[in-house]
Amino acid sequence: SGDTLAHKSLFKQLNNMITVSPKSQIEVVCHGPGITILMPEKSKFTHELKPLVDKGVVFVACEFTMSEKKITKEQLSPEAGLVKYGILEVVTKQEKGWSYIKGGF
């Protein structure tokens, strides 16, 4: 989602999960309108990324979305990794036993 209230909720959820279960493996896949969460010029929550990355949370941007929206790697936060196709990343993780939780509301 590109909704900043959903972004706020996501960061609260992530912080809660890491607090309760610090050894959890968490990857946030940002694609479609949600990619803005990784863009300092568009996100109100860029300052929230590094502390979570330091605790092991992985943030990745979908290269397909980037291509469609003409977003360059330089426009993303330095904490952001890349995956070829966001939805394929989600499906692949699920096939490996990961759970999918939609962030936000």
C-alpha atoms as a PDB file:
ATOM      1  CA  SER A   1       0.000   0.000   0.000  1.00  0.00           C
ATOM      2  CA  GLY A   2       1.087   3.560  -0.580  1.00  0.00           C
ATOM      3  CA  ASP A   3      -1.026   4.670   2.411  1.00  0.00           C
ATOM      4  CA  THR A   4       1.153   6.304   5.068  1.00  0.00           C
ATOM      5  CA  LEU A   5      -1.201   5.101   7.823  1.00  0.00           C
ATOM      6  CA  ALA A   6      -0.594   1.537   6.630  1.00  0.00           C
ATOM      7  CA  HIS A   7       3.159   2.255   6.677  1.00  0.00           C
ATOM      8  CA  LYS A   8       2.904   3.526  10.265  1.00  0.00           C
ATOM      9  CA  SER A   9       1.001   0.384  11.231  1.00  0.00           C
ATOM     10  CA  LEU A  10       3.562  -1.833   9.483  1.00  0.00           C
ATOM     11  CA  PHE A  11       6.475  -0.333  11.405  1.00  0.00           C
ATOM     12  CA  LYS A  12       4.573  -0.713  14.675  1.00  0.00           C
ATOM     13  CA  GLN A  13       3.858  -4.374  13.831  1.00  0.00           C
ATOM     14  CA  LEU A  14       7.488  -5.025  12.895  1.00  0.00           C
ATOM     15  CA  ASN A  15       8.793  -3.442  16.086  1.00  0.00           C
ATOM     16  CA  ASN A  16       6.307  -5.453  18.145  1.00  0.00           C
ATOM     17  CA  MET A  17       7.295  -8.711  16.434  1.00  0.00           C
ATOM     18  CA  ILE A  18      11.021  -8.105  16.914  1.00  0.00           C
ATOM     19  CA  THR A  19      10.464  -7.163  20.563  1.00  0.00           C
ATOM     20  CA  VAL A  20       8.430 -10.286  21.329  1.00  0.00           C
ATOM     21  CA  SER A  21      10.414 -12.652  19.105  1.00  0.00           C
ATOM     22  CA  PRO A  22      13.874 -11.183  18.436  1.00  0.00           C
ATOM     23  CA  LYS A  23      15.085 -14.239  16.510  1.00  0.00           C
ATOM     24  CA  SER A  24      12.260 -14.056  13.949  1.00  0.00           C
ATOM     25  CA  GLN A  25      13.270 -13.944  10.306  1.00  0.00           C
ATOM     26  CA  ILE A  26      11.359 -11.123   8.649  1.00  0.00           C
ATOM     27  CA  GLU A  27      11.518  -9.934   5.074  1.00  0.00           C
ATOM     28  CA  VAL A  28       9.399  -7.010   3.930  1.00  0.00           C
ATOM     29  CA  VAL A  29       8.747  -7.199   0.188  1.00  0.00           C
ATOM     30  CA  CYS A  30       7.825  -3.790  -1.208  1.00  0.00           C
ATOM     31  CA  HIS A  31       6.124  -3.762  -4.597  1.00  0.00           C
ATOM     32  CA  GLY A  32       3.441  -1.830  -6.405  1.00  0.00           C
ATOM     33  CA  PRO A  33       2.417   1.336  -4.549  1.00  0.00           C
ATOM     34  CA  GLY A  34       4.105  -0.005  -1.391  1.00  0.00           C
ATOM     35  CA  ILE A  35       7.543   0.623  -2.848  1.00  0.00           C
ATOM     36  CA  THR A  36       7.310   4.244  -1.667  1.00  0.00           C
ATOM     37  CA  ILE A  37       8.039   3.052   1.873  1.00  0.00           C
ATOM     38  CA  LEU A  38      11.647   2.570   0.705  1.00  0.00           C
ATOM     39  CA  MET A  39      11.916   5.992  -0.944  1.00  0.00           C
ATOM     40  CA  PRO A  40      13.256   8.733   1.347  1.00  0.00           C
ATOM     41  CA  GLU A  41      11.720  11.469  -0.807  1.00  0.00           C
ATOM     42  CA  LYS A  42       8.253   9.924  -0.473  1.00  0.00           C
ATOM     43  CA  SER A  43       8.234   8.120   2.875  1.00  0.00           C
ATOM     44  CA  LYS A  44       7.615   9.609   6.294  1.00  0.00           C
ATOM     45  CA  PHE A  45       9.211   6.546   7.888  1.00  0.00           C
ATOM     46  CA  THR A  46      12.666   6.299   6.330  1.00  0.00           C
ATOM     47  CA  HIS A  47      14.245   6.819   9.769  1.00  0.00           C
ATOM     48  CA  GLU A  48      12.508   3.606  10.939  1.00  0.00           C
ATOM     49  CA  LEU A  49      14.321   1.354   8.431  1.00  0.00           C
ATOM     50  CA  LYS A  50      17.884   1.250   9.787  1.00  0.00           C
ATOM     51  CA  PRO A  51      16.991   0.303  13.390  1.00  0.00           C
ATOM     52  CA  LEU A  52      14.928  -2.619  12.079  1.00  0.00           C
ATOM     53  CA  VAL A  53      17.624  -3.660   9.599  1.00  0.00           C
ATOM     54  CA  ASP A  54      20.108  -3.578  12.484  1.00  0.00           C
ATOM     55  CA  LYS A  55      17.807  -6.058  14.260  1.00  0.00           C
ATOM     56  CA  GLY A  56      17.757  -8.381  11.241  1.00  0.00           C
ATOM     57  CA  VAL A  57      14.659  -7.279   9.320  1.00  0.00           C
ATOM     58  CA  VAL A  58      15.252  -7.384   5.558  1.00  0.00           C
ATOM     59  CA  PHE A  59      13.589  -4.854   3.256  1.00  0.00           C
ATOM     60  CA  VAL A  60      13.541  -5.555  -0.477  1.00  0.00           C
ATOM     61  CA  ALA A  61      12.194  -3.638  -3.449  1.00  0.00           C
ATOM     62  CA  CYS A  62      10.684  -5.239  -6.530  1.00  0.00           C
ATOM     63  CA  GLU A  63      12.797  -4.501  -9.615  1.00  0.00           C
ATOM     64  CA  PHE A  64       9.744  -5.004 -11.848  1.00  0.00           C
ATOM     65  CA  THR A  65       7.864  -2.267  -9.958  1.00  0.00           C
ATOM     66  CA  MET A  66      10.943  -0.083 -10.118  1.00  0.00           C
ATOM     67  CA  SER A  67      11.078  -0.536 -13.878  1.00  0.00           C
ATOM     68  CA  GLU A  68       7.357   0.156 -14.307  1.00  0.00           C
ATOM     69  CA  LYS A  69       7.527   3.289 -12.152  1.00  0.00           C
ATOM     70  CA  LYS A  70      10.938   4.375 -13.465  1.00  0.00           C
ATOM     71  CA  ILE A  71      12.520   4.252  -9.996  1.00  0.00           C
ATOM     72  CA  THR A  72      16.292   3.932  -9.766  1.00  0.00           C
ATOM     73  CA  LYS A  73      18.265   2.173  -7.028  1.00  0.00           C
ATOM     74  CA  GLU A  74      19.613   5.603  -6.050  1.00  0.00           C
ATOM     75  CA  GLN A  75      16.067   6.713  -5.182  1.00  0.00           C
ATOM     76  CA  LEU A  76      15.768   3.935  -2.588  1.00  0.00           C
ATOM     77  CA  SER A  77      17.035   3.900   0.980  1.00  0.00           C
ATOM     78  CA  PRO A  78      20.497   2.346   1.241  1.00  0.00           C
ATOM     79  CA  GLU A  79      18.993  -0.339   3.519  1.00  0.00           C
ATOM     80  CA  ALA A  80      16.848  -1.673   0.664  1.00  0.00           C
ATOM     81  CA  GLY A  81      17.795  -4.840  -1.153  1.00  0.00           C
ATOM     82  CA  LEU A  82      16.378  -5.856  -4.520  1.00  0.00           C
ATOM     83  CA  VAL A  83      14.392  -8.817  -5.817  1.00  0.00           C
ATOM     84  CA  LYS A  84      13.462  -9.419  -9.445  1.00  0.00           C
ATOM     85  CA  TYR A  85       9.701  -9.815  -8.891  1.00  0.00           C
ATOM     86  CA  GLY A  86       8.098  -8.987  -5.557  1.00  0.00           C
ATOM     87  CA  ILE A  87       5.147 -11.347  -5.811  1.00  0.00           C
ATOM     88  CA  LEU A  88       7.413 -14.193  -6.907  1.00  0.00           C
ATOM     89  CA  GLU A  89       9.593 -13.521  -3.848  1.00  0.00           C
ATOM     90  CA  VAL A  90       6.524 -13.865  -1.627  1.00  0.00           C
ATOM     91  CA  VAL A  91       5.397 -17.090  -3.328  1.00  0.00           C
ATOM     92  CA  THR A  92       8.912 -18.587  -3.216  1.00  0.00           C
ATOM     93  CA  LYS A  93       9.220 -17.824   0.491  1.00  0.00           C
ATOM     94  CA  GLN A  94       5.824 -19.419   1.138  1.00  0.00           C
ATOM     95  CA  GLU A  95       6.894 -22.541  -0.728  1.00  0.00           C
ATOM     96  CA  LYS A  96       9.893 -22.701   1.628  1.00  0.00           C
ATOM     97  CA  GLY A  97       7.616 -22.576   4.680  1.00  0.00           C
ATOM     98  CA  TRP A  98       7.579 -18.834   5.384  1.00  0.00           C
ATOM     99  CA  SER A  99       4.270 -17.254   6.435  1.00  0.00           C
ATOM    100  CA  TYR A 100       2.796 -14.293   4.590  1.00  0.00           C
ATOM    101  CA  ILE A 101       1.463 -11.389   6.605  1.00  0.00           C
ATOM    102  CA  LYS A 102       0.116  -8.369   4.777  1.00  0.00           C
ATOM    103  CA  GLY A 103       1.480  -5.285   6.482  1.00  0.00           C
ATOM    104  CA  GLY A 104      -0.668  -2.411   7.616  1.00  0.00           C
ATOM    105  CA  PHE A 105      -4.342  -2.902   8.373  1.00  0.00           C
END
